[in-house]
PDB file of N, CA and C in Angstrom:
ATOM      1  N   UNK A   1      54.638 136.033 114.218  1.00  0.00           N
ATOM      2  CA  UNK A   1      55.619 136.687 115.372  1.00  0.00           C
ATOM      3  C   UNK A   1      57.536 136.526 114.304  1.00  0.00           C
ATOM      4  N   UNK A   2      57.911 137.438 114.593  1.00  0.00           N
ATOM      5  CA  UNK A   2      59.153 137.320 113.760  1.00  0.00           C
ATOM      6  C   UNK A   2      60.002 136.433 115.072  1.00  0.00           C
ATOM      7  N   UNK A   3      61.282 135.845 114.077  1.00  0.00           N
ATOM      8  CA  UNK A   3      62.072 135.004 114.770  1.00  0.00           C
ATOM      9  C   UNK A   3      63.525 135.739 114.273  1.00  0.00           C
ATOM     10  N   UNK A   4      64.149 135.566 115.588  1.00  0.00           N
ATOM     11  CA  UNK A   4      65.729 135.955 115.701  1.00  0.00           C
ATOM     12  C   UNK A   4      66.493 134.604 116.005  1.00  0.00           C
ATOM     13  N   UNK A   5      68.117 134.931 115.420  1.00  0.00           N
ATOM     14  CA  UNK A   5      69.030 134.101 116.362  1.00  0.00           C
ATOM     15  C   UNK A   5      69.975 135.134 117.257  1.00  0.00           C
ATOM     16  N   UNK A   6      70.704 135.077 118.648  1.00  0.00           N
ATOM     17  CA  UNK A   6      70.796 135.030 119.625  1.00  0.00           C
ATOM     18  C   UNK A   6      71.654 133.836 120.444  1.00  0.00           C
ATOM     19  N   UNK A   7      72.554 134.540 120.894  1.00  0.00           N
ATOM     20  CA  UNK A   7      73.871 133.971 121.197  1.00  0.00           C
ATOM     21  C   UNK A   7      74.289 134.144 122.774  1.00  0.00           C
ATOM     22  N   UNK A   8      73.512 133.488 123.305  1.00  0.00           N
ATOM     23  CA  UNK A   8      73.752 133.355 125.339  1.00  0.00           C
ATOM     24  C   UNK A   8      75.058 132.759 126.058  1.00  0.00           C
ATOM     25  N   UNK A   9      74.844 133.112 127.164  1.00  0.00           N
ATOM     26  CA  UNK A   9      75.786 132.133 127.822  1.00  0.00           C
ATOM     27  C   UNK A   9      74.978 131.437 128.749  1.00  0.00           C
ATOM     28  N   UNK A  10      75.911 130.847 129.349  1.00  0.00           N
ATOM     29  CA  UNK A  10      75.537 129.236 129.986  1.00  0.00           C
ATOM     30  C   UNK A  10      74.098 129.923 130.998  1.00  0.00           C
ATOM     31  N   UNK A  11      74.837 130.772 131.817  1.00  0.00           N
ATOM     32  CA  UNK A  11      73.815 131.233 133.011  1.00  0.00           C
ATOM     33  C   UNK A  11      72.638 132.043 132.240  1.00  0.00           C
ATOM     34  N   UNK A  12      72.690 132.637 131.079  1.00  0.00           N
ATOM     35  CA  UNK A  12      71.287 132.842 130.488  1.00  0.00           C
ATOM     36  C   UNK A  12      71.102 131.567 130.059  1.00  0.00           C
ATOM     37  N   UNK A  13      71.320 131.203 129.774  1.00  0.00           N
ATOM     38  CA  UNK A  13      70.433 129.612 129.246  1.00  0.00           C
ATOM     39  C   UNK A  13      69.685 129.156 130.038  1.00  0.00           C
ATOM     40  N   UNK A  14      70.482 128.799 131.629  1.00  0.00           N
ATOM     41  CA  UNK A  14      69.804 128.134 132.738  1.00  0.00           C
ATOM     42  C   UNK A  14      68.319 128.931 133.156  1.00  0.00           C
ATOM     43  N   UNK A  15      68.642 130.079 132.909  1.00  0.00           N
ATOM     44  CA  UNK A  15      67.506 131.555 133.505  1.00  0.00           C
ATOM     45  C   UNK A  15      66.646 130.902 132.689  1.00  0.00           C
ATOM     46  N   UNK A  16      66.514 131.087 131.367  1.00  0.00           N
ATOM     47  CA  UNK A  16      65.638 130.956 130.198  1.00  0.00           C
ATOM     48  C   UNK A  16      65.128 129.146 130.529  1.00  0.00           C
ATOM     49  N   UNK A  17      65.454 128.453 130.899  1.00  0.00           N
ATOM     50  CA  UNK A  17      65.625 126.939 131.342  1.00  0.00           C
ATOM     51  C   UNK A  17      64.723 126.985 131.828  1.00  0.00           C
ATOM     52  N   UNK A  18      64.264 127.575 132.967  1.00  0.00           N
ATOM     53  CA  UNK A  18      63.074 127.980 134.218  1.00  0.00           C
ATOM     54  C   UNK A  18      62.434 128.359 134.134  1.00  0.00           C
ATOM     55  N   UNK A  19      61.372 128.614 132.745  1.00  0.00           N
ATOM     56  CA  UNK A  19      60.634 129.441 132.313  1.00  0.00           C
ATOM     57  C   UNK A  19      59.443 129.030 132.609  1.00  0.00           C
ATOM     58  N   UNK A  20      59.123 127.504 132.731  1.00  0.00           N
ATOM     59  CA  UNK A  20      58.047 127.383 133.028  1.00  0.00           C
ATOM     60  C   UNK A  20      57.478 127.559 135.039  1.00  0.00           C
ATOM     61  N   UNK A  21      58.753 127.516 135.206  1.00  0.00           N
ATOM     62  CA  UNK A  21      58.518 127.892 137.243  1.00  0.00           C
ATOM     63  C   UNK A  21      58.747 128.965 137.131  1.00  0.00           C
ATOM     64  N   UNK A  22      59.019 129.544 135.946  1.00  0.00           N
ATOM     65  CA  UNK A  22      58.583 131.467 136.405  1.00  0.00           C
ATOM     66  C   UNK A  22      57.406 131.717 135.687  1.00  0.00           C
ATOM     67  N   UNK A  23      56.607 130.853 135.303  1.00  0.00           N
ATOM     68  CA  UNK A  23      55.103 131.707 134.802  1.00  0.00           C
ATOM     69  C   UNK A  23      55.203 131.585 133.643  1.00  0.00           C
ATOM     70  N   UNK A  24      56.096 131.408 133.214  1.00  0.00           N
ATOM     71  CA  UNK A  24      55.937 131.615 131.131  1.00  0.00           C
ATOM     72  C   UNK A  24      55.604 130.169 130.363  1.00  0.00           C
ATOM     73  N   UNK A  25      55.187 130.404 129.450  1.00  0.00           N
ATOM     74  CA  UNK A  25      54.525 129.114 128.794  1.00  0.00           C
ATOM     75  C   UNK A  25      55.984 128.617 127.787  1.00  0.00           C
ATOM     76  N   UNK A  26      56.633 129.322 127.417  1.00  0.00           N
ATOM     77  CA  UNK A  26      58.210 129.201 126.672  1.00  0.00           C
ATOM     78  C   UNK A  26      58.909 130.012 126.799  1.00  0.00           C
ATOM     79  N   UNK A  27      60.225 129.460 126.720  1.00  0.00           N
ATOM     80  CA  UNK A  27      61.887 130.325 126.618  1.00  0.00           C
ATOM     81  C   UNK A  27      61.146 131.637 125.479  1.00  0.00           C
ATOM     82  N   UNK A  28      60.963 132.115 124.866  1.00  0.00           N
ATOM     83  CA  UNK A  28      59.829 132.833 124.064  1.00  0.00           C
ATOM     84  C   UNK A  28      59.099 134.381 124.658  1.00  0.00           C
ATOM     85  N   UNK A  29      58.239 133.810 125.538  1.00  0.00           N
ATOM     86  CA  UNK A  29      57.817 134.150 125.988  1.00  0.00           C
ATOM     87  C   UNK A  29      58.422 135.233 127.229  1.00  0.00           C
ATOM     88  N   UNK A  30      59.482 134.777 128.032  1.00  0.00           N
ATOM     89  CA  UNK A  30      60.158 134.714 129.033  1.00  0.00           C
ATOM     90  C   UNK A  30      60.928 136.334 128.109  1.00  0.00           C
ATOM     91  N   UNK A  31      61.579 135.859 127.113  1.00  0.00           N
ATOM     92  CA  UNK A  31      62.945 136.723 126.553  1.00  0.00           C
ATOM     93  C   UNK A  31      61.928 137.839 126.198  1.00  0.00           C
ATOM     94  N   UNK A  32      60.729 138.106 125.565  1.00  0.00           N
ATOM     95  CA  UNK A  32      59.726 139.350 125.453  1.00  0.00           C
ATOM     96  C   UNK A  32      59.447 139.853 126.268  1.00  0.00           C
ATOM     97  N   UNK A  33      58.993 139.280 127.531  1.00  0.00           N
ATOM     98  CA  UNK A  33      58.321 139.831 128.431  1.00  0.00           C
ATOM     99  C   UNK A  33      59.669 140.896 129.332  1.00  0.00           C
ATOM    100  N   UNK A  34      61.252 139.851 129.583  1.00  0.00           N
ATOM    101  CA  UNK A  34      62.242 140.735 129.772  1.00  0.00           C
ATOM    102  C   UNK A  34      62.616 141.709 128.993  1.00  0.00           C
ATOM    103  N   UNK A  35      62.576 141.825 127.640  1.00  0.00           N
ATOM    104  CA  UNK A  35      62.574 142.891 126.770  1.00  0.00           C
ATOM    105  C   UNK A  35      62.067 143.896 126.623  1.00  0.00           C
ATOM    106  N   UNK A  36      60.449 143.750 127.054  1.00  0.00           N
ATOM    107  CA  UNK A  36      59.606 144.681 127.154  1.00  0.00           C
ATOM    108  C   UNK A  36      60.137 145.546 128.516  1.00  0.00           C
ATOM    109  N   UNK A  37      59.898 144.460 129.338  1.00  0.00           N
ATOM    110  CA  UNK A  37      60.185 145.347 131.169  1.00  0.00           C
ATOM    111  C   UNK A  37      61.686 146.610 130.426  1.00  0.00           C
ATOM    112  N   UNK A  38      62.682 145.695 130.116  1.00  0.00           N
ATOM    113  CA  UNK A  38      63.643 146.490 129.475  1.00  0.00           C
ATOM    114  C   UNK A  38      63.572 148.066 128.844  1.00  0.00           C
ATOM    115  N   UNK A  39      62.719 147.922 127.687  1.00  0.00           N
ATOM    116  CA  UNK A  39      61.927 148.594 127.494  1.00  0.00           C
ATOM    117  C   UNK A  39      61.595 149.894 128.254  1.00  0.00           C
ATOM    118  N   UNK A  40      60.458 149.466 128.921  1.00  0.00           N
ATOM    119  CA  UNK A  40      59.840 150.370 129.712  1.00  0.00           C
ATOM    120  C   UNK A  40      60.902 151.057 130.931  1.00  0.00           C
ATOM    121  N   UNK A  41      61.713 150.244 131.186  1.00  0.00           N
ATOM    122  CA  UNK A  41      62.438 151.048 132.331  1.00  0.00           C
ATOM    123  C   UNK A  41      63.295 152.093 131.313  1.00  0.00           C
ATOM    124  N   UNK A  42      63.981 151.240 130.260  1.00  0.00           N
ATOM    125  CA  UNK A  42      65.020 152.485 129.637  1.00  0.00           C
ATOM    126  C   UNK A  42      63.943 154.099 129.424  1.00  0.00           C
ATOM    127  N   UNK A  43      62.739 153.821 129.117  1.00  0.00           N
ATOM    128  CA  UNK A  43      62.008 155.221 128.585  1.00  0.00           C
ATOM    129  C   UNK A  43      61.742 155.643 129.540  1.00  0.00           C
ATOM    130  N   UNK A  44      61.688 154.806 130.794  1.00  0.00           N
ATOM    131  CA  UNK A  44      61.498 155.682 132.298  1.00  0.00           C
ATOM    132  C   UNK A  44      62.886 155.923 132.780  1.00  0.00           C
ATOM    133  N   UNK A  45      63.912 155.552 132.552  1.00  0.00           N
ATOM    134  CA  UNK A  45      64.978 156.355 132.784  1.00  0.00           C
ATOM    135  C   UNK A  45      65.740 157.998 132.170  1.00  0.00           C
ATOM    136  N   UNK A  46      64.566 157.622 131.103  1.00  0.00           N
ATOM    137  CA  UNK A  46      64.609 158.808 129.500  1.00  0.00           C
ATOM    138  C   UNK A  46      63.813 159.320 130.566  1.00  0.00           C
ATOM    139  N   UNK A  47      62.812 159.095 130.608  1.00  0.00           N
ATOM    140  CA  UNK A  47      61.799 160.925 131.051  1.00  0.00           C
ATOM    141  C   UNK A  47      62.286 161.252 132.369  1.00  0.00           C
ATOM    142  N   UNK A  48      62.678 160.412 133.133  1.00  0.00           N
ATOM    143  CA  UNK A  48      63.064 160.869 134.275  1.00  0.00           C
ATOM    144  C   UNK A  48      64.803 161.777 134.474  1.00  0.00           C
ATOM    145  N   UNK A  49      65.607 161.571 133.270  1.00  0.00           N
ATOM    146  CA  UNK A  49      66.596 162.299 133.458  1.00  0.00           C
ATOM    147  C   UNK A  49      66.062 163.580 133.248  1.00  0.00           C
ATOM    148  N   UNK A  50      64.915 163.583 131.765  1.00  0.00           N
ATOM    149  CA  UNK A  50      64.643 164.751 130.679  1.00  0.00           C
ATOM    150  C   UNK A  50      63.957 165.574 131.407  1.00  0.00           C
ATOM    151  N   UNK A  51      63.049 165.137 133.248  1.00  0.00           N
ATOM    152  CA  UNK A  51      62.540 165.724 133.893  1.00  0.00           C
ATOM    153  C   UNK A  51      63.540 166.705 135.160  1.00  0.00           C
ATOM    154  N   UNK A  52      64.926 165.714 135.255  1.00  0.00           N
ATOM    155  CA  UNK A  52      65.389 166.234 135.693  1.00  0.00           C
ATOM    156  C   UNK A  52      66.327 167.705 134.959  1.00  0.00           C
ATOM    157  N   UNK A  53      66.566 167.683 133.382  1.00  0.00           N
ATOM    158  CA  UNK A  53      66.828 168.857 133.056  1.00  0.00           C
ATOM    159  C   UNK A  53      65.452 169.633 132.662  1.00  0.00           C
ATOM    160  N   UNK A  54      64.616 169.922 132.845  1.00  0.00           N
ATOM    161  CA  UNK A  54      63.649 171.135 132.880  1.00  0.00           C
ATOM    162  C   UNK A  54      63.597 171.407 133.694  1.00  0.00           C
ATOM    163  N   UNK A  55      63.630 170.681 135.159  1.00  0.00           N
ATOM    164  CA  UNK A  55      63.328 171.002 136.631  1.00  0.00           C
ATOM    165  C   UNK A  55      64.623 172.034 136.054  1.00  0.00           C
ATOM    166  N   UNK A  56      65.736 171.693 136.184  1.00  0.00           N
ATOM    167  CA  UNK A  56      67.355 172.716 136.410  1.00  0.00           C
ATOM    168  C   UNK A  56      66.799 173.476 135.546  1.00  0.00           C
ATOM    169  N   UNK A  57      66.687 173.951 134.031  1.00  0.00           N
ATOM    170  CA  UNK A  57      65.926 175.035 133.287  1.00  0.00           C
ATOM    171  C   UNK A  57      65.352 175.691 134.235  1.00  0.00           C
ATOM    172  N   UNK A  58      64.426 175.116 135.131  1.00  0.00           N
ATOM    173  CA  UNK A  58      62.915 176.379 135.366  1.00  0.00           C
ATOM    174  C   UNK A  58      63.734 176.648 136.785  1.00  0.00           C
ATOM    175  N   UNK A  59      64.486 176.029 137.658  1.00  0.00           N
ATOM    176  CA  UNK A  59      65.084 176.541 138.640  1.00  0.00           C
ATOM    177  C   UNK A  59      66.242 177.439 138.221  1.00  0.00           C
ATOM    178  N   UNK A  60      66.694 178.021 137.202  1.00  0.00           N
ATOM    179  CA  UNK A  60      67.775 178.804 136.768  1.00  0.00           C
ATOM    180  C   UNK A  60      67.266 180.175 136.113  1.00  0.00           C
ATOM    181  N   UNK A  61      65.932 180.207 135.560  1.00  0.00           N
ATOM    182  CA  UNK A  61      65.441 180.677 134.306  1.00  0.00           C
ATOM    183  C   UNK A  61      64.138 181.278 135.317  1.00  0.00           C
ATOM    184  N   UNK A  62      64.427 182.482 135.868  1.00  0.00           N
ATOM    185  CA  UNK A  62      63.419 183.894 136.387  1.00  0.00           C
ATOM    186  C   UNK A  62      62.216 183.856 135.483  1.00  0.00           C
ATOM    187  N   UNK A  63      63.053 183.972 134.599  1.00  0.00           N
ATOM    188  CA  UNK A  63      61.422 184.628 133.169  1.00  0.00           C
ATOM    189  C   UNK A  63      60.337 183.628 133.373  1.00  0.00           C
ATOM    190  N   UNK A  64      61.068 182.248 132.730  1.00  0.00           N
ATOM    191  CA  UNK A  64      60.364 180.958 132.838  1.00  0.00           C
ATOM    192  C   UNK A  64      59.282 181.021 134.497  1.00  0.00           C
ATOM    193  N   UNK A  65      60.030 180.923 135.580  1.00  0.00           N
ATOM    194  CA  UNK A  65      58.925 180.874 136.621  1.00  0.00           C
ATOM    195  C   UNK A  65      58.067 181.746 137.058  1.00  0.00           C
ATOM    196  N   UNK A  66      58.144 183.567 136.391  1.00  0.00           N
ATOM    197  CA  UNK A  66      57.647 184.747 136.174  1.00  0.00           C
ATOM    198  C   UNK A  66      56.445 184.091 135.653  1.00  0.00           C
ATOM    199  N   UNK A  67      56.476 183.702 134.495  1.00  0.00           N
ATOM    200  CA  UNK A  67      55.291 183.152 133.250  1.00  0.00           C
ATOM    201  C   UNK A  67      54.424 181.963 133.912  1.00  0.00           C
ATOM    202  N   UNK A  68      55.223 181.112 134.350  1.00  0.00           N
ATOM    203  CA  UNK A  68      54.476 180.359 135.447  1.00  0.00           C
ATOM    204  C   UNK A  68      53.636 180.497 136.531  1.00  0.00           C
ATOM    205  N   UNK A  69      54.114 181.406 137.230  1.00  0.00           N
ATOM    206  CA  UNK A  69      53.569 181.950 138.209  1.00  0.00           C
ATOM    207  C   UNK A  69      52.093 182.841 137.697  1.00  0.00           C
ATOM    208  N   UNK A  70      52.332 183.511 136.907  1.00  0.00           N
ATOM    209  CA  UNK A  70      51.025 184.643 135.966  1.00  0.00           C
ATOM    210  C   UNK A  70      50.360 183.757 135.468  1.00  0.00           C
ATOM    211  N   UNK A  71      50.445 182.269 134.683  1.00  0.00           N
ATOM    212  CA  UNK A  71      49.339 181.437 134.108  1.00  0.00           C
ATOM    213  C   UNK A  71      48.524 180.604 135.129  1.00  0.00           C
ATOM    214  N   UNK A  72      49.512 180.892 137.222  1.00  0.00           N
ATOM    215  CA  UNK A  72      48.485 180.292 137.668  1.00  0.00           C
ATOM    216  C   UNK A  72      47.485 181.117 138.419  1.00  0.00           C
ATOM    217  N   UNK A  73      47.675 182.423 138.139  1.00  0.00           N
ATOM    218  CA  UNK A  73      46.764 183.337 138.945  1.00  0.00           C
ATOM    219  C   UNK A  73      45.634 182.924 138.509  1.00  0.00           C
ATOM    220  N   UNK A  74      44.095 182.512 139.065  1.00  0.00           N
ATOM    221  CA  UNK A  74      43.548 182.775 138.946  1.00  0.00           C
ATOM    222  C   UNK A  74      42.808 180.835 138.896  1.00  0.00           C
ATOM    223  N   UNK A  75      43.604 180.184 138.802  1.00  0.00           N
ATOM    224  CA  UNK A  75      43.257 178.707 138.787  1.00  0.00           C
ATOM    225  C   UNK A  75      43.077 178.487 140.223  1.00  0.00           C
ATOM    226  N   UNK A  76      42.223 177.530 140.566  1.00  0.00           N
ATOM    227  CA  UNK A  76      41.900 177.060 141.697  1.00  0.00           C
ATOM    228  C   UNK A  76      42.956 176.706 142.367  1.00  0.00           C
ATOM    229  N   UNK A  77      42.908 176.720 143.761  1.00  0.00           N
ATOM    230  CA  UNK A  77      43.652 175.684 144.851  1.00  0.00           C
ATOM    231  C   UNK A  77      43.385 174.264 144.354  1.00  0.00           C
TER     232      UNK A  77
END
């Protein structure tokens, strides 16, 4: 694994020092889990924003709605 140097405030360090109580084998595992979770959350937010934009385009584009309805003809319920 790669290493990096970061600067934290006292509350971050206090939280990291509880790594065992939180179920992690070391501070690095806690940081990796937090970063993974943050990355997944940011991706989910990006996808949700994209879905909102697509829904707005669909809502305002009658031609797209007609195309979608035509594509559904004959599909099972």
